[in-house]
Amino acid sequence: MLYEIGAAKPDLIAKYCREFGQLLESRHPRLVWGAMMALDTITTIEPRKIYGMLSKILEVADTSGSVIARIMRSEFWLSWRRLIVTNGIACRSSSSK
């Protein structure tokens, strides 16, 4: 349900970014899908944090065996492309700030 809140008002769930990242390791596919959807909705609010999790997100999408997770992989790439093209945002490691 939190991803539905995030779709309407991503700033309300953005502070739970880390917790959503931890749910990517769940054995329960619905928790993984929900976490992926929630993370996707907060990409524009917390781009650096999401970027830091991007390899984990993509790994989970590729290895989970879930069609929904693979679809979410495409959604993440589209979100990142829109973010970069629209805002010119480039995420770098914290050491290069």
C-alpha atoms as a PDB file:
ATOM      1  CA  MET A   1       0.000   0.000   0.000  1.00  0.00           C
ATOM      2  CA  LEU A   2       2.845   2.433   0.636  1.00  0.00           C
ATOM      3  CA  TYR A   3       3.776   2.458  -3.037  1.00  0.00           C
ATOM      4  CA  GLU A   4       0.268   3.749  -3.786  1.00  0.00           C
ATOM      5  CA  ILE A   5       0.848   6.612  -1.372  1.00  0.00           C
ATOM      6  CA  GLY A   6       4.195   7.186  -3.072  1.00  0.00           C
ATOM      7  CA  ALA A   7       2.535   7.402  -6.468  1.00  0.00           C
ATOM      8  CA  ALA A   8       0.315  10.214  -5.193  1.00  0.00           C
ATOM      9  CA  LYS A   9       2.763  11.940  -2.809  1.00  0.00           C
ATOM     10  CA  PRO A  10       6.288  10.511  -3.006  1.00  0.00           C
ATOM     11  CA  ASP A  11       7.625  12.917  -0.390  1.00  0.00           C
ATOM     12  CA  LEU A  12       5.524  11.135   2.260  1.00  0.00           C
ATOM     13  CA  ILE A  13       7.427   7.857   1.844  1.00  0.00           C
ATOM     14  CA  ALA A  14      10.842   9.107   0.706  1.00  0.00           C
ATOM     15  CA  LYS A  15      12.289   8.926   4.227  1.00  0.00           C
ATOM     16  CA  TYR A  16      11.717   5.146   4.187  1.00  0.00           C
ATOM     17  CA  CYS A  17      14.046   4.609   1.244  1.00  0.00           C
ATOM     18  CA  ARG A  18      16.439   2.415   3.249  1.00  0.00           C
ATOM     19  CA  GLU A  19      13.616   0.206   4.533  1.00  0.00           C
ATOM     20  CA  PHE A  20      12.295  -0.317   1.008  1.00  0.00           C
ATOM     21  CA  GLY A  21      15.826  -1.258  -0.035  1.00  0.00           C
ATOM     22  CA  GLN A  22      15.947  -3.891   2.709  1.00  0.00           C
ATOM     23  CA  LEU A  23      12.672  -5.387   1.461  1.00  0.00           C
ATOM     24  CA  LEU A  24      14.367  -6.218  -1.844  1.00  0.00           C
ATOM     25  CA  GLU A  25      15.931  -9.175  -0.025  1.00  0.00           C
ATOM     26  CA  SER A  26      12.600 -10.592   1.130  1.00  0.00           C
ATOM     27  CA  ARG A  27      11.568 -14.145   0.217  1.00  0.00           C
ATOM     28  CA  HIS A  28       8.045 -12.862  -0.410  1.00  0.00           C
ATOM     29  CA  PRO A  29       7.571 -11.651  -3.997  1.00  0.00           C
ATOM     30  CA  ARG A  30       4.800  -9.203  -3.107  1.00  0.00           C
ATOM     31  CA  LEU A  31       7.083  -7.408  -0.650  1.00  0.00           C
ATOM     32  CA  VAL A  32       9.802  -7.235  -3.298  1.00  0.00           C
ATOM     33  CA  TRP A  33       7.394  -5.843  -5.917  1.00  0.00           C
ATOM     34  CA  GLY A  34       6.000  -3.324  -3.466  1.00  0.00           C
ATOM     35  CA  ALA A  35       9.488  -2.191  -2.502  1.00  0.00           C
ATOM     36  CA  MET A  36      10.483  -1.828  -6.150  1.00  0.00           C
ATOM     37  CA  MET A  37       7.367   0.194  -6.920  1.00  0.00           C
ATOM     38  CA  ALA A  38       7.885   2.399  -3.858  1.00  0.00           C
ATOM     39  CA  LEU A  39      11.525   3.020  -4.764  1.00  0.00           C
ATOM     40  CA  ASP A  40      10.501   3.905  -8.299  1.00  0.00           C
ATOM     41  CA  THR A  41       8.033   6.514  -7.025  1.00  0.00           C
ATOM     42  CA  ILE A  42      10.672   8.235  -4.882  1.00  0.00           C
ATOM     43  CA  THR A  43      13.393   8.318  -7.532  1.00  0.00           C
ATOM     44  CA  THR A  44      12.850  12.041  -8.153  1.00  0.00           C
ATOM     45  CA  ILE A  45      12.870  12.829  -4.412  1.00  0.00           C
ATOM     46  CA  GLU A  46      15.948  10.768  -3.439  1.00  0.00           C
ATOM     47  CA  PRO A  47      17.905  10.206  -6.663  1.00  0.00           C
ATOM     48  CA  ARG A  48      21.290   9.675  -4.984  1.00  0.00           C
ATOM     49  CA  LYS A  49      19.969   7.112  -2.526  1.00  0.00           C
ATOM     50  CA  ILE A  50      18.140   5.223  -5.270  1.00  0.00           C
ATOM     51  CA  TYR A  51      21.226   5.390  -7.479  1.00  0.00           C
ATOM     52  CA  GLY A  52      23.194   3.787  -4.652  1.00  0.00           C
ATOM     53  CA  MET A  53      20.708   0.888  -4.680  1.00  0.00           C
ATOM     54  CA  LEU A  54      20.375   0.632  -8.444  1.00  0.00           C
ATOM     55  CA  SER A  55      22.672  -2.369  -8.878  1.00  0.00           C
ATOM     56  CA  LYS A  56      20.774  -4.247  -6.139  1.00  0.00           C
ATOM     57  CA  ILE A  57      17.414  -3.301  -7.662  1.00  0.00           C
ATOM     58  CA  LEU A  58      18.475  -4.511 -11.099  1.00  0.00           C
ATOM     59  CA  GLU A  59      20.030  -7.684  -9.685  1.00  0.00           C
ATOM     60  CA  VAL A  60      16.818  -8.548  -7.852  1.00  0.00           C
ATOM     61  CA  ALA A  61      14.776  -7.857 -10.977  1.00  0.00           C
ATOM     62  CA  ASP A  62      17.033 -10.082 -13.075  1.00  0.00           C
ATOM     63  CA  THR A  63      17.352 -12.986 -10.655  1.00  0.00           C
ATOM     64  CA  SER A  64      13.987 -13.163  -8.932  1.00  0.00           C
ATOM     65  CA  GLY A  65      12.320 -15.146 -11.700  1.00  0.00           C
ATOM     66  CA  SER A  66       9.344 -12.805 -11.430  1.00  0.00           C
ATOM     67  CA  VAL A  67       7.757 -11.273 -14.504  1.00  0.00           C
ATOM     68  CA  ILE A  68       6.580  -8.318 -12.413  1.00  0.00           C
ATOM     69  CA  ALA A  69      10.124  -7.706 -11.148  1.00  0.00           C
ATOM     70  CA  ARG A  70      11.412  -7.729 -14.727  1.00  0.00           C
ATOM     71  CA  ILE A  71       8.734  -5.218 -15.701  1.00  0.00           C
ATOM     72  CA  MET A  72       9.776  -3.037 -12.762  1.00  0.00           C
ATOM     73  CA  ARG A  73      13.349  -3.169 -14.071  1.00  0.00           C
ATOM     74  CA  SER A  74      12.152  -1.457 -17.235  1.00  0.00           C
ATOM     75  CA  GLU A  75      10.259   1.100 -15.155  1.00  0.00           C
ATOM     76  CA  PHE A  76      13.427   1.985 -13.256  1.00  0.00           C
ATOM     77  CA  TRP A  77      15.372   2.558 -16.440  1.00  0.00           C
ATOM     78  CA  LEU A  78      12.595   4.786 -17.778  1.00  0.00           C
ATOM     79  CA  SER A  79      12.501   6.755 -14.513  1.00  0.00           C
ATOM     80  CA  TRP A  80      16.265   7.280 -14.602  1.00  0.00           C
ATOM     81  CA  ARG A  81      16.219   8.314 -18.237  1.00  0.00           C
ATOM     82  CA  ARG A  82      13.462  10.887 -17.584  1.00  0.00           C
ATOM     83  CA  LEU A  83      15.292  12.195 -14.526  1.00  0.00           C
ATOM     84  CA  ILE A  84      18.580  12.649 -16.348  1.00  0.00           C
ATOM     85  CA  VAL A  85      17.114  14.051 -19.564  1.00  0.00           C
ATOM     86  CA  THR A  86      14.646  16.400 -17.877  1.00  0.00           C
ATOM     87  CA  ASN A  87      16.856  17.690 -15.090  1.00  0.00           C
ATOM     88  CA  GLY A  88      20.365  16.955 -16.277  1.00  0.00           C
ATOM     89  CA  ILE A  89      20.949  15.070 -13.041  1.00  0.00           C
ATOM     90  CA  ALA A  90      24.066  12.962 -12.795  1.00  0.00           C
ATOM     91  CA  CYS A  91      24.525  10.981  -9.606  1.00  0.00           C
ATOM     92  CA  ARG A  92      28.054  10.624  -8.346  1.00  0.00           C
ATOM     93  CA  SER A  93      29.564   8.961  -5.333  1.00  0.00           C
ATOM     94  CA  SER A  94      29.584  11.034  -2.162  1.00  0.00           C
ATOM     95  CA  SER A  95      33.342  11.493  -2.459  1.00  0.00           C
ATOM     96  CA  SER A  96      32.930  13.520  -5.658  1.00  0.00           C
ATOM     97  CA  LYS A  97      30.415  16.011  -4.210  1.00  0.00           C
END
